[in-house]
Amino acid sequence: MNLIGEHTDYNDGFVMPAALDFSTYVEVSPLEQHRLHIHSENFNEEVEVDLDDQNLAARGHWSDYPIGVAVMLGRAGHRLRGASLRIRGDVPIGSGLSSSAAIEVATACALNANSGLEIDKRELALLCQRAENEFVGAHVGIMDQFVSLFGHAQKALLLDCRSLEFKLLPLPDNVRLIICNTMVKHELASSAYNERRAQCEEGVRLLSRVYPNVRALRDVSIEQLEQHRSELPEVIYRRCRHVVTENARVIEAGAALERHDLKRFGKLMAESHVSLRDDYEVSADELDLMVELAQKIDGVYGARMTGGGFGGSTVNLVQEEKADEFRARIAEEYDRATGLTPEIYVTNAANGAEEVS
């Protein structure tokens, strides 16, 4: 789950996610045949594929994620041993909490161990991203896979999406991360996501005419953007302004966490939501309402939409002693306003993928 830094990852920018205390488990055992046998306990389905099949392709099924990981490991030159995988998970599906990254990372770790490989975690994260980009066909950034591997209990992770350098930042013990699923996902989400990426790329193309060193919006300062505002179409300018200011907010939010300034961190979350709503235009009425309701509740440091947008979830930074009251009030008030019963998860930052027995 991303605390702050939305739509910056595919612009080579900065993000601040945390791994949450939900899990996807992959139980692995070797097979003599060069095959994958996959059983999902959640869907009560089984799939089997030949790892030597060069024509494996996505088919819009849950199994695309583990199969895609195996395919990308193979394309990267890693010889996989046949495996039987039993998958189960408690990561909520469709709520914007990266269930796809969870299954990718858990599968990658299981296949890595089963085959006696020693692939480092950065390469695993990149291969999982490639599985989703090239096999599944979702053009996601690196953030979800990276934090699913490198996350740490009671820490947020500030990640440079270009260099993949990161640092862990402290989250106070007396704070809870509360996820509020609006139970709404608007149909235009996928096409609008691709449109936003294209608009950012157009902004880079135009700005690189005057700043040849600009390879991504990560390389643009707010001063440079404002200086050349008149040379950009208005919608391109606003998309660029969100990304440039959001990158700055992530860096400032990291400094706020280091000095334990949750009040400032919360203000930056609020500014992020406004920018996503007005400049990037990826919020939704339900998300705006959920944030507005949260900001009126005692004990809330900050609230904002999280994820791609057009529905999905908000993230809220809440005092631990106020968590139960927050959950009850926001559920009641959101239901009263919309007729929808939200899913609300009170969570902690947790460790990333690890072997358990």
Protein backbone atom coordinates (compact mmCIF):
# COMPACT_ATOMS: atom_id res chain seq x y z
CA MET A 1 0.00 0.00 0.00
CA ASN A 2 1.31 3.41 -0.96
CA LEU A 3 1.38 6.09 1.73
CA ILE A 4 2.30 8.87 -0.69
CA GLY A 5 3.75 9.16 -4.19
CA GLU A 6 1.00 8.26 -6.66
CA HIS A 7 1.58 7.96 -10.41
CA THR A 8 5.23 8.87 -9.93
CA ASP A 9 6.69 5.37 -10.32
CA TYR A 10 6.36 5.17 -14.12
CA ASN A 11 7.84 8.68 -14.29
CA ASP A 12 11.11 7.49 -12.69
CA GLY A 13 10.09 9.26 -9.49
CA PHE A 14 9.76 8.59 -5.78
CA VAL A 15 7.19 6.55 -3.87
CA MET A 16 6.64 5.64 -0.23
CA PRO A 17 4.86 2.30 0.16
CA ALA A 18 4.64 -0.07 3.10
CA ALA A 19 4.12 -3.82 3.11
CA LEU A 20 0.98 -4.77 5.04
CA ASP A 21 0.21 -7.67 7.34
CA PHE A 22 -1.80 -9.61 4.75
CA SER A 23 -0.15 -12.59 3.06
CA THR A 24 -0.18 -14.82 0.03
CA TYR A 25 1.34 -18.24 0.71
CA VAL A 26 2.86 -20.52 -1.91
CA GLU A 27 3.64 -24.03 -0.75
CA VAL A 28 6.12 -25.62 -3.16
CA SER A 29 7.32 -29.17 -3.77
CA PRO A 30 9.47 -30.45 -6.66
CA LEU A 31 8.18 -32.40 -9.66
CA GLU A 32 10.30 -34.71 -11.80
CA GLN A 33 8.60 -33.48 -14.98
CA HIS A 34 9.48 -30.02 -16.28
CA ARG A 35 5.97 -28.76 -15.51
CA LEU A 36 4.11 -26.44 -13.19
CA HIS A 37 1.11 -27.83 -11.36
CA ILE A 38 -0.73 -24.96 -9.63
CA HIS A 39 -3.61 -25.28 -7.20
CA SER A 40 -5.44 -22.23 -5.84
CA GLU A 41 -7.21 -22.83 -2.56
CA ASN A 42 -9.05 -19.50 -2.85
CA PHE A 43 -10.54 -20.33 -6.27
CA ASN A 44 -10.54 -24.12 -5.77
CA GLU A 45 -9.03 -24.58 -9.23
CA GLU A 46 -6.01 -26.36 -10.68
CA VAL A 47 -3.89 -25.50 -13.70
CA GLU A 48 -0.98 -27.40 -15.24
CA VAL A 49 1.47 -26.10 -17.86
CA ASP A 50 4.57 -27.40 -19.61
CA LEU A 51 7.57 -25.21 -18.78
CA ASP A 52 9.08 -26.08 -22.19
CA ASP A 53 6.05 -24.69 -24.01
CA GLN A 54 7.24 -21.60 -25.91
CA ASN A 55 3.68 -20.51 -26.68
CA LEU A 56 2.41 -19.91 -23.16
CA ALA A 57 0.23 -16.79 -23.15
CA ALA A 58 -2.07 -14.95 -20.78
CA ARG A 59 -5.74 -15.93 -20.88
CA GLY A 60 -7.31 -13.50 -18.40
CA HIS A 61 -7.15 -16.00 -15.53
CA TRP A 62 -5.69 -15.88 -12.01
CA SER A 63 -3.04 -18.37 -13.14
CA ASP A 64 -1.55 -15.78 -15.53
CA TYR A 65 0.36 -14.28 -12.59
CA PRO A 66 2.30 -17.36 -11.39
CA ILE A 67 2.74 -18.67 -14.95
CA GLY A 68 3.99 -15.26 -16.09
CA VAL A 69 6.60 -15.27 -13.35
CA ALA A 70 7.84 -18.71 -14.43
CA VAL A 71 7.99 -17.57 -18.06
CA MET A 72 10.04 -14.46 -17.18
CA LEU A 73 12.42 -16.47 -15.01
CA GLY A 74 12.98 -18.78 -17.96
CA ARG A 75 13.49 -15.92 -20.43
CA ALA A 76 16.08 -14.44 -18.06
CA GLY A 77 18.11 -17.64 -18.38
CA HIS A 78 17.15 -19.33 -15.12
CA ARG A 79 16.51 -23.05 -15.52
CA LEU A 80 13.51 -23.95 -13.39
CA ARG A 81 12.88 -27.29 -11.79
CA GLY A 82 9.35 -28.65 -12.17
CA ALA A 83 7.15 -27.69 -9.25
CA SER A 84 3.82 -28.24 -7.61
CA LEU A 85 2.48 -24.98 -6.18
CA ARG A 86 -0.37 -24.68 -3.71
CA ILE A 87 -1.47 -21.06 -3.35
CA ARG A 88 -3.68 -19.46 -0.73
CA GLY A 89 -3.97 -15.89 0.43
CA ASP A 90 -5.77 -13.37 2.56
CA VAL A 91 -4.85 -10.27 0.54
CA PRO A 92 -8.21 -8.68 -0.44
CA ILE A 93 -8.66 -8.95 -4.21
CA GLY A 94 -9.78 -5.89 -6.13
CA SER A 95 -9.31 -3.42 -3.29
CA GLY A 96 -6.09 -1.84 -4.56
CA LEU A 97 -3.87 -3.72 -2.09
CA SER A 98 -1.61 -5.31 -4.69
CA SER A 99 -2.86 -8.89 -4.59
CA SER A 100 -1.27 -9.42 -8.01
CA ALA A 101 2.18 -8.38 -6.75
CA ALA A 102 1.73 -10.64 -3.72
CA ILE A 103 1.13 -13.75 -5.83
CA GLU A 104 3.95 -12.82 -8.22
CA VAL A 105 6.51 -12.30 -5.48
CA ALA A 106 5.47 -15.37 -3.46
CA THR A 107 5.66 -17.51 -6.61
CA ALA A 108 9.06 -16.09 -7.59
CA CYS A 109 10.49 -16.83 -4.15
CA ALA A 110 9.07 -20.36 -4.19
CA LEU A 111 10.43 -21.17 -7.66
CA ASN A 112 13.78 -19.61 -6.77
CA ALA A 113 14.09 -21.86 -3.71
CA ASN A 114 12.71 -24.98 -5.42
CA SER A 115 15.24 -24.66 -8.25
CA GLY A 116 18.23 -23.96 -6.03
CA LEU A 117 18.74 -20.56 -7.63
CA GLU A 118 20.21 -17.58 -5.85
CA ILE A 119 18.50 -14.69 -7.59
CA ASP A 120 18.80 -11.49 -5.57
CA LYS A 121 15.67 -9.66 -4.48
CA ARG A 122 16.12 -6.71 -6.85
CA GLU A 123 16.21 -9.01 -9.86
CA LEU A 124 13.19 -10.92 -8.53
CA ALA A 125 11.25 -7.67 -8.19
CA LEU A 126 12.10 -6.64 -11.75
CA LEU A 127 11.20 -10.09 -13.13
CA CYS A 128 7.85 -9.96 -11.33
CA GLN A 129 7.19 -6.52 -12.81
CA ARG A 130 8.07 -7.89 -16.26
CA ALA A 131 5.61 -10.74 -15.72
CA GLU A 132 2.82 -8.25 -15.17
CA ASN A 133 3.97 -5.88 -17.93
CA GLU A 134 4.84 -8.37 -20.68
CA PHE A 135 2.83 -11.50 -19.87
CA VAL A 136 -0.30 -10.30 -18.08
CA GLY A 137 -0.32 -7.04 -20.05
CA ALA A 138 -0.68 -4.53 -17.19
CA HIS A 139 1.84 -1.70 -17.49
CA VAL A 140 2.54 -1.27 -13.79
CA GLY A 141 5.57 0.33 -12.16
CA ILE A 142 8.04 -1.42 -9.88
CA MET A 143 6.65 -0.24 -6.53
CA ASP A 144 4.30 -3.08 -5.56
CA GLN A 145 6.72 -5.88 -6.33
CA PHE A 146 9.64 -4.07 -4.72
CA VAL A 147 7.97 -3.37 -1.39
CA SER A 148 6.51 -6.90 -1.33
CA LEU A 149 10.12 -8.10 -1.20
CA PHE A 150 11.87 -5.34 0.76
CA GLY A 151 9.15 -4.19 3.17
CA HIS A 152 9.91 -4.13 6.90
CA ALA A 153 7.76 -4.20 10.01
CA GLN A 154 6.85 -0.73 11.34
CA LYS A 155 8.68 0.92 8.44
CA ALA A 156 7.72 2.83 5.34
CA LEU A 157 10.01 2.44 2.35
CA LEU A 158 11.12 5.50 0.37
CA LEU A 159 12.03 4.18 -3.09
CA ASP A 160 13.78 5.88 -5.98
CA CYS A 161 12.06 4.17 -8.93
CA ARG A 162 14.95 4.97 -11.29
CA SER A 163 17.93 3.72 -9.31
CA LEU A 164 15.97 1.33 -7.03
CA GLU A 165 17.85 2.78 -4.09
CA PHE A 166 15.69 2.94 -0.97
CA LYS A 167 15.68 3.68 2.70
CA LEU A 168 13.43 2.51 5.49
CA LEU A 169 11.68 5.15 7.55
CA PRO A 170 10.14 4.72 11.01
CA LEU A 171 6.39 4.48 11.55
CA PRO A 172 5.48 5.10 15.21
CA ASP A 173 4.21 2.11 17.20
CA ASN A 174 1.10 4.05 18.25
CA VAL A 175 -0.14 4.62 14.68
CA ARG A 176 -2.25 2.34 12.50
CA LEU A 177 -2.59 2.27 8.73
CA ILE A 178 -6.29 1.96 7.97
CA ILE A 179 -7.44 1.03 4.48
CA CYS A 180 -10.98 1.98 3.46
CA ASN A 181 -12.27 0.23 0.34
CA THR A 182 -14.98 2.34 -1.28
CA MET A 183 -16.40 -0.79 -2.97
CA VAL A 184 -16.43 1.15 -6.24
CA LYS A 185 -14.23 0.70 -9.30
CA HIS A 186 -15.16 2.74 -12.37
CA GLU A 187 -14.76 1.14 -15.77
CA LEU A 188 -12.56 3.84 -17.29
CA ALA A 189 -9.68 3.10 -14.91
CA SER A 190 -7.53 1.09 -17.33
CA SER A 191 -7.89 3.34 -20.37
CA ALA A 192 -7.45 6.48 -18.26
CA TYR A 193 -4.26 5.06 -16.70
CA ASN A 194 -2.75 4.52 -20.14
CA GLU A 195 -3.90 7.99 -21.18
CA ARG A 196 -2.16 9.57 -18.17
CA ARG A 197 1.08 7.75 -19.01
CA ALA A 198 0.91 9.04 -22.58
CA GLN A 199 0.27 12.60 -21.34
CA CYS A 200 3.31 12.44 -19.08
CA GLU A 201 5.41 11.18 -21.99
CA GLU A 202 4.18 14.07 -24.12
CA GLY A 203 5.16 16.49 -21.36
CA VAL A 204 8.65 15.00 -21.32
CA ARG A 205 8.89 15.29 -25.11
CA LEU A 206 7.95 18.97 -25.05
CA LEU A 207 10.12 19.90 -22.07
CA SER A 208 13.15 18.04 -23.40
CA ARG A 209 13.23 20.51 -26.29
CA VAL A 210 14.44 23.17 -23.86
CA TYR A 211 16.02 20.84 -21.28
CA PRO A 212 17.87 18.09 -23.21
CA ASN A 213 18.75 16.24 -19.98
CA VAL A 214 15.08 15.57 -19.20
CA ARG A 215 14.41 11.83 -19.66
CA ALA A 216 11.37 11.65 -17.38
CA LEU A 217 9.28 14.03 -15.30
CA ARG A 218 11.55 13.06 -12.41
CA ASP A 219 14.15 15.38 -14.04
CA VAL A 220 11.89 18.46 -14.08
CA SER A 221 11.78 21.02 -11.25
CA ILE A 222 8.66 22.99 -10.45
CA GLU A 223 10.52 26.17 -11.43
CA GLN A 224 11.34 24.75 -14.87
CA LEU A 225 7.76 23.60 -15.35
CA GLU A 226 6.31 26.99 -14.42
CA GLN A 227 8.81 28.81 -16.63
CA HIS A 228 7.57 26.92 -19.69
CA ARG A 229 3.92 26.56 -18.74
CA SER A 230 2.75 28.58 -21.72
CA GLU A 231 4.43 26.11 -24.09
CA LEU A 232 2.40 23.17 -22.80
CA PRO A 233 -1.26 22.34 -23.47
CA GLU A 234 -3.20 22.98 -20.28
CA VAL A 235 -4.03 19.35 -19.58
CA ILE A 236 -0.40 18.29 -20.16
CA TYR A 237 0.76 21.02 -17.80
CA ARG A 238 -1.58 19.85 -15.04
CA ARG A 239 -0.53 16.22 -15.41
CA CYS A 240 3.11 17.28 -15.22
CA ARG A 241 2.44 19.55 -12.25
CA HIS A 242 0.98 16.66 -10.28
CA VAL A 243 3.99 14.42 -10.88
CA VAL A 244 6.60 17.12 -10.22
CA THR A 245 4.94 18.33 -7.01
CA GLU A 246 4.17 14.78 -5.86
CA ASN A 247 7.84 13.85 -6.11
CA ALA A 248 8.67 16.82 -3.93
CA ARG A 249 5.96 15.79 -1.45
CA VAL A 250 7.42 12.29 -1.12
CA ILE A 251 10.87 13.65 -0.29
CA GLU A 252 9.41 16.08 2.26
CA ALA A 253 7.22 13.34 3.73
CA GLY A 254 10.32 11.20 4.24
CA ALA A 255 11.97 14.02 6.16
CA ALA A 256 8.80 14.46 8.23
CA LEU A 257 8.80 10.78 9.23
CA GLU A 258 12.46 10.95 10.21
CA ARG A 259 11.73 13.76 12.64
CA HIS A 260 8.45 12.09 13.77
CA ASP A 261 6.35 15.00 12.47
CA LEU A 262 3.08 13.20 11.72
CA LYS A 263 1.13 16.45 11.54
CA ARG A 264 3.20 17.62 8.58
CA PHE A 265 3.08 14.16 7.04
CA GLY A 266 -0.71 14.26 7.22
CA LYS A 267 -0.85 17.66 5.52
CA LEU A 268 1.27 16.30 2.69
CA MET A 269 -1.16 13.38 2.32
CA ALA A 270 -4.01 15.88 2.01
CA GLU A 271 -2.11 17.91 -0.60
CA SER A 272 -1.42 14.71 -2.53
CA HIS A 273 -5.12 13.87 -2.66
CA VAL A 274 -6.05 17.35 -3.90
CA SER A 275 -3.41 17.12 -6.62
CA LEU A 276 -4.63 13.67 -7.70
CA ARG A 277 -8.20 14.98 -7.75
CA ASP A 278 -7.65 18.28 -9.53
CA ASP A 279 -4.44 18.03 -11.59
CA TYR A 280 -4.22 14.32 -12.41
CA GLU A 281 -8.00 13.78 -12.32
CA VAL A 282 -7.90 10.16 -11.16
CA SER A 283 -10.04 10.41 -8.05
CA ALA A 284 -13.76 9.65 -7.83
CA ASP A 285 -16.69 11.04 -5.87
CA GLU A 286 -16.57 8.07 -3.51
CA LEU A 287 -12.85 8.51 -2.83
CA ASP A 288 -13.28 12.24 -2.24
CA LEU A 289 -16.14 11.55 0.17
CA MET A 290 -14.14 8.93 2.07
CA VAL A 291 -11.23 11.34 2.48
CA GLU A 292 -13.52 14.19 3.50
CA LEU A 293 -15.20 12.03 6.15
CA ALA A 294 -11.86 10.81 7.50
CA GLN A 295 -10.45 14.32 7.85
CA LYS A 296 -13.27 15.21 10.26
CA ILE A 297 -12.59 12.33 12.67
CA ASP A 298 -10.47 12.88 15.76
CA GLY A 299 -7.14 11.06 15.80
CA VAL A 300 -6.60 11.11 12.01
CA TYR A 301 -3.22 12.49 10.94
CA GLY A 302 -3.84 12.16 7.22
CA ALA A 303 -6.05 10.61 4.54
CA ARG A 304 -5.77 10.24 0.78
CA MET A 305 -6.70 7.98 -2.09
CA THR A 306 -4.15 5.26 -2.79
CA GLY A 307 -3.55 3.28 -5.95
CA GLY A 308 -4.44 4.03 -9.56
CA GLY A 309 -7.70 5.80 -8.79
CA PHE A 310 -11.26 5.92 -10.19
CA GLY A 311 -12.43 4.04 -7.12
CA GLY A 312 -10.61 1.59 -4.93
CA SER A 313 -9.28 2.53 -1.52
CA THR A 314 -8.08 5.32 0.70
CA VAL A 315 -5.20 5.10 3.18
CA ASN A 316 -5.51 6.74 6.58
CA LEU A 317 -2.86 7.37 9.22
CA VAL A 318 -4.68 7.10 12.56
CA GLN A 319 -3.76 7.11 16.24
CA GLU A 320 -3.92 3.55 17.57
CA GLU A 321 -6.30 4.39 20.42
CA LYS A 322 -8.72 5.98 17.92
CA ALA A 323 -8.65 3.14 15.37
CA ASP A 324 -11.83 1.36 16.51
CA GLU A 325 -13.78 4.61 16.71
CA PHE A 326 -12.52 5.60 13.27
CA ARG A 327 -13.57 2.30 11.74
CA ALA A 328 -17.08 2.50 13.20
CA ARG A 329 -17.69 6.14 12.33
CA ILE A 330 -16.42 6.09 8.77
CA ALA A 331 -18.33 2.91 7.96
CA GLU A 332 -21.55 4.39 9.31
CA GLU A 333 -21.18 7.78 7.64
CA TYR A 334 -20.06 6.38 4.28
CA ASP A 335 -22.94 3.88 4.26
CA ARG A 336 -25.40 6.65 5.12
CA ALA A 337 -24.14 8.85 2.28
CA THR A 338 -23.77 6.21 -0.45
CA GLY A 339 -25.74 3.12 0.56
CA LEU A 340 -22.51 1.13 0.27
CA THR A 341 -20.87 -0.83 3.09
CA PRO A 342 -17.11 -0.26 2.89
CA GLU A 343 -14.46 -2.83 3.71
CA ILE A 344 -12.14 -1.40 6.35
CA TYR A 345 -8.80 -2.94 7.31
CA VAL A 346 -6.80 -1.83 10.34
CA THR A 347 -3.24 -2.83 9.51
CA ASN A 348 0.41 -2.48 10.43
CA ALA A 349 3.50 -2.23 8.26
CA ALA A 350 4.96 -5.74 7.99
CA ASN A 351 7.95 -7.62 6.61
CA GLY A 352 8.13 -8.44 2.93
CA ALA A 353 8.33 -11.95 1.49
CA GLU A 354 10.03 -14.56 3.63
CA GLU A 355 10.23 -18.31 3.95
CA VAL A 356 8.03 -19.87 6.63
CA SER A 357 7.59 -23.42 7.80
